[in-house]
């Protein structure tokens, strides 16, 4: 199996995700109950501030917190809601 470059992996990921504007994210939170999940490092949050009402999940733990089989699973991720990752 060939190793893919970062650019190739990024292009593949972009085909699978929707990019939305901050205004659209705010609308989905207000009108549809979506949850913003801030995946920035704690140092970034301290330096740049937090998004009011957002849930924080460190990027390195995201898959563990989402996976219901993981001992680190967070029940918030089992809710039937849209999650907007920032």
N, C-alpha and C. Protein backbone atom coordinates (compact mmCIF):
# COMPACT_ATOMS: atom_id res chain seq x y z
N UNK A 1 0.85 -1.18 0.00
CA UNK A 1 0.00 0.00 0.00
C UNK A 1 0.89 1.23 0.00
N UNK A 2 0.66 2.12 -0.93
CA UNK A 2 1.45 3.34 -1.04
C UNK A 2 1.06 4.33 0.05
N UNK A 3 2.04 5.05 0.52
CA UNK A 3 1.79 6.07 1.52
C UNK A 3 1.28 7.32 0.81
N UNK A 4 0.13 7.83 1.28
CA UNK A 4 -0.44 9.02 0.67
C UNK A 4 0.15 10.27 1.31
N UNK A 5 0.27 11.30 0.52
CA UNK A 5 0.78 12.57 1.04
C UNK A 5 -0.30 13.25 1.87
N UNK A 6 0.12 14.21 2.66
CA UNK A 6 -0.82 14.98 3.46
C UNK A 6 -1.85 15.66 2.56
N UNK A 7 -1.40 16.19 1.45
CA UNK A 7 -2.34 16.85 0.52
C UNK A 7 -3.37 15.88 -0.04
N UNK A 8 -2.94 14.66 -0.32
CA UNK A 8 -3.89 13.65 -0.81
C UNK A 8 -4.90 13.27 0.27
N UNK A 9 -4.43 13.10 1.50
CA UNK A 9 -5.34 12.77 2.59
C UNK A 9 -6.31 13.91 2.85
N UNK A 10 -5.81 15.15 2.78
CA UNK A 10 -6.67 16.31 2.98
C UNK A 10 -7.73 16.40 1.89
N UNK A 11 -7.35 16.18 0.66
CA UNK A 11 -8.31 16.22 -0.45
C UNK A 11 -9.39 15.14 -0.28
N UNK A 12 -8.98 13.95 0.14
CA UNK A 12 -9.96 12.87 0.36
C UNK A 12 -10.91 13.23 1.50
N UNK A 13 -10.38 13.82 2.55
CA UNK A 13 -11.22 14.22 3.69
C UNK A 13 -12.22 15.29 3.26
N UNK A 14 -11.78 16.25 2.46
CA UNK A 14 -12.67 17.34 2.03
C UNK A 14 -13.85 16.81 1.21
N UNK A 15 -13.68 15.68 0.55
CA UNK A 15 -14.78 15.08 -0.22
C UNK A 15 -15.85 14.51 0.70
N UNK A 16 -15.50 14.24 1.95
CA UNK A 16 -16.41 13.59 2.89
C UNK A 16 -17.07 14.55 3.88
N UNK A 17 -16.63 15.79 3.93
CA UNK A 17 -17.15 16.73 4.93
C UNK A 17 -17.83 17.92 4.28
N UNK A 18 -18.69 18.57 5.03
CA UNK A 18 -19.31 19.81 4.60
C UNK A 18 -18.63 20.95 5.35
N UNK A 19 -18.20 21.95 4.62
CA UNK A 19 -17.68 23.16 5.25
C UNK A 19 -18.82 24.17 5.29
N UNK A 20 -19.07 24.72 6.47
CA UNK A 20 -20.15 25.69 6.61
C UNK A 20 -19.60 26.97 7.22
N UNK A 21 -20.32 28.05 7.02
CA UNK A 21 -19.90 29.35 7.55
C UNK A 21 -20.22 29.42 9.04
N UNK A 22 -19.57 30.34 9.75
CA UNK A 22 -19.92 30.54 11.16
C UNK A 22 -21.40 30.88 11.34
N UNK A 23 -21.95 31.67 10.42
CA UNK A 23 -23.37 32.03 10.52
C UNK A 23 -24.26 30.79 10.39
N UNK A 24 -23.91 29.89 9.47
CA UNK A 24 -24.69 28.66 9.31
C UNK A 24 -24.54 27.76 10.54
N UNK A 25 -23.36 27.70 11.09
CA UNK A 25 -23.16 26.91 12.31
C UNK A 25 -24.02 27.47 13.44
N UNK A 26 -24.02 28.77 13.58
CA UNK A 26 -24.82 29.41 14.63
C UNK A 26 -26.31 29.13 14.42
N UNK A 27 -26.77 29.17 13.17
CA UNK A 27 -28.17 28.89 12.87
C UNK A 27 -28.52 27.44 13.24
N UNK A 28 -27.67 26.50 12.87
CA UNK A 28 -27.93 25.10 13.16
C UNK A 28 -27.96 24.83 14.67
N UNK A 29 -27.10 25.51 15.40
CA UNK A 29 -27.11 25.36 16.87
C UNK A 29 -28.43 25.90 17.42
N UNK A 30 -28.81 27.11 16.99
CA UNK A 30 -30.01 27.76 17.52
C UNK A 30 -31.30 27.09 17.09
N UNK A 31 -31.38 26.69 15.83
CA UNK A 31 -32.64 26.19 15.29
C UNK A 31 -32.77 24.67 15.29
N UNK A 32 -31.65 23.96 15.23
CA UNK A 32 -31.71 22.52 15.06
C UNK A 32 -31.06 21.74 16.20
N UNK A 33 -30.50 22.45 17.17
CA UNK A 33 -29.91 21.78 18.31
C UNK A 33 -28.56 21.15 18.05
N UNK A 34 -27.88 21.59 16.99
CA UNK A 34 -26.54 21.06 16.71
C UNK A 34 -25.59 21.44 17.85
N UNK A 35 -24.51 20.70 17.94
CA UNK A 35 -23.50 20.94 18.97
C UNK A 35 -22.18 21.27 18.29
N UNK A 36 -21.56 22.36 18.68
CA UNK A 36 -20.23 22.68 18.18
C UNK A 36 -19.22 21.97 19.07
N UNK A 37 -18.32 21.23 18.44
CA UNK A 37 -17.26 20.53 19.16
C UNK A 37 -15.94 21.19 18.78
N UNK A 38 -15.34 21.83 19.75
CA UNK A 38 -14.08 22.54 19.54
C UNK A 38 -12.94 21.57 19.78
N UNK A 39 -12.19 21.26 18.73
CA UNK A 39 -11.14 20.25 18.84
C UNK A 39 -9.75 20.88 18.99
N UNK A 40 -9.71 22.17 19.26
CA UNK A 40 -8.40 22.82 19.42
C UNK A 40 -7.73 22.38 20.72
N UNK A 41 -6.44 22.51 20.73
CA UNK A 41 -5.62 22.21 21.90
C UNK A 41 -5.97 23.17 23.04
N UNK A 42 -5.85 22.70 24.26
CA UNK A 42 -6.16 23.52 25.43
C UNK A 42 -5.38 24.82 25.42
N UNK A 43 -4.13 24.79 24.97
CA UNK A 43 -3.32 26.03 24.90
C UNK A 43 -3.92 27.03 23.93
N UNK A 44 -4.50 26.53 22.82
CA UNK A 44 -5.16 27.43 21.88
C UNK A 44 -6.40 28.06 22.51
N UNK A 45 -7.15 27.26 23.25
CA UNK A 45 -8.34 27.79 23.92
C UNK A 45 -7.94 28.88 24.90
N UNK A 46 -6.88 28.64 25.66
CA UNK A 46 -6.43 29.63 26.64
C UNK A 46 -5.96 30.90 25.95
N UNK A 47 -5.29 30.75 24.83
CA UNK A 47 -4.74 31.91 24.12
C UNK A 47 -5.79 32.66 23.32
N UNK A 48 -6.67 31.92 22.65
CA UNK A 48 -7.61 32.53 21.70
C UNK A 48 -9.05 32.63 22.21
N UNK A 49 -9.34 31.94 23.31
CA UNK A 49 -10.69 31.96 23.84
C UNK A 49 -11.51 30.78 23.38
N UNK A 50 -12.68 30.64 23.99
CA UNK A 50 -13.56 29.51 23.70
C UNK A 50 -14.80 29.98 22.95
N UNK A 51 -15.48 29.05 22.35
CA UNK A 51 -16.75 29.33 21.68
C UNK A 51 -17.83 29.10 22.73
N UNK A 52 -18.61 30.12 23.07
CA UNK A 52 -19.66 29.95 24.08
C UNK A 52 -20.60 28.80 23.73
N UNK A 53 -20.80 27.90 24.68
CA UNK A 53 -21.70 26.77 24.51
C UNK A 53 -21.10 25.58 23.79
N UNK A 54 -19.87 25.70 23.30
CA UNK A 54 -19.26 24.59 22.57
C UNK A 54 -18.76 23.53 23.54
N UNK A 55 -18.73 22.31 23.06
CA UNK A 55 -18.17 21.19 23.81
C UNK A 55 -16.71 21.08 23.40
N UNK A 56 -15.80 20.88 24.34
CA UNK A 56 -14.40 20.73 23.99
C UNK A 56 -14.03 19.25 23.96
N UNK A 57 -13.36 18.85 22.89
CA UNK A 57 -12.82 17.50 22.78
C UNK A 57 -11.44 17.64 22.16
N UNK A 58 -10.39 17.35 22.92
CA UNK A 58 -9.05 17.45 22.33
C UNK A 58 -8.95 16.57 21.10
N UNK A 59 -8.36 17.07 20.04
CA UNK A 59 -8.27 16.34 18.78
C UNK A 59 -7.71 14.94 18.97
N UNK A 60 -6.74 14.79 19.82
CA UNK A 60 -6.14 13.48 20.03
C UNK A 60 -7.04 12.47 20.70
N UNK A 61 -8.13 12.93 21.30
CA UNK A 61 -9.07 12.02 21.98
C UNK A 61 -10.38 11.83 21.22
N UNK A 62 -10.56 12.56 20.16
CA UNK A 62 -11.85 12.60 19.47
C UNK A 62 -12.40 11.22 19.12
N UNK A 63 -11.62 10.40 18.44
CA UNK A 63 -12.12 9.08 18.04
C UNK A 63 -12.44 8.21 19.25
N UNK A 64 -11.65 8.34 20.31
CA UNK A 64 -11.89 7.57 21.53
C UNK A 64 -13.19 8.00 22.21
N UNK A 65 -13.44 9.31 22.21
CA UNK A 65 -14.65 9.81 22.86
C UNK A 65 -15.90 9.49 22.05
N UNK A 66 -15.78 9.41 20.73
CA UNK A 66 -16.94 9.12 19.87
C UNK A 66 -17.29 7.64 19.87
N UNK A 67 -16.30 6.77 19.89
CA UNK A 67 -16.51 5.32 19.77
C UNK A 67 -17.20 4.75 21.00
N UNK A 68 -18.42 4.22 20.85
CA UNK A 68 -19.14 3.67 22.00
C UNK A 68 -18.44 2.45 22.62
N UNK A 69 -17.54 1.81 21.90
CA UNK A 69 -16.80 0.65 22.40
C UNK A 69 -15.58 1.07 23.24
N UNK A 70 -15.22 2.32 23.15
CA UNK A 70 -14.01 2.81 23.83
C UNK A 70 -14.28 3.02 25.33
N UNK A 71 -13.30 2.71 26.16
CA UNK A 71 -13.47 3.00 27.59
C UNK A 71 -13.51 4.50 27.87
N UNK A 72 -13.15 5.31 26.89
CA UNK A 72 -13.14 6.77 27.04
C UNK A 72 -14.38 7.44 26.44
N UNK A 73 -15.31 6.62 25.95
CA UNK A 73 -16.52 7.14 25.29
C UNK A 73 -17.24 8.17 26.15
N UNK A 74 -17.68 9.25 25.49
CA UNK A 74 -18.48 10.29 26.15
C UNK A 74 -19.92 10.15 25.66
N UNK A 75 -20.87 10.01 26.60
CA UNK A 75 -22.27 9.79 26.19
C UNK A 75 -22.86 10.91 25.34
N UNK A 76 -22.30 12.11 25.43
CA UNK A 76 -22.80 13.21 24.60
C UNK A 76 -22.73 12.86 23.11
N UNK A 77 -21.72 12.06 22.73
CA UNK A 77 -21.56 11.71 21.33
C UNK A 77 -22.53 10.63 20.89
N UNK A 78 -23.27 10.04 21.79
CA UNK A 78 -24.28 9.04 21.43
C UNK A 78 -25.63 9.70 21.16
N UNK A 79 -25.74 10.99 21.46
CA UNK A 79 -27.00 11.70 21.24
C UNK A 79 -27.27 11.84 19.74
N UNK A 80 -28.55 11.84 19.39
CA UNK A 80 -28.95 11.98 17.99
C UNK A 80 -29.00 13.47 17.64
N UNK A 81 -27.81 14.03 17.47
CA UNK A 81 -27.68 15.45 17.14
C UNK A 81 -26.60 15.61 16.08
N UNK A 82 -26.61 16.72 15.42
CA UNK A 82 -25.54 17.05 14.49
C UNK A 82 -24.37 17.61 15.30
N UNK A 83 -23.17 17.18 14.96
CA UNK A 83 -21.96 17.69 15.59
C UNK A 83 -21.18 18.49 14.55
N UNK A 84 -20.87 19.72 14.90
CA UNK A 84 -20.10 20.60 14.02
C UNK A 84 -18.73 20.74 14.63
N UNK A 85 -17.71 20.25 13.91
CA UNK A 85 -16.36 20.25 14.44
C UNK A 85 -15.61 21.50 14.00
N UNK A 86 -15.00 22.15 14.99
CA UNK A 86 -14.23 23.38 14.74
C UNK A 86 -12.82 23.19 15.23
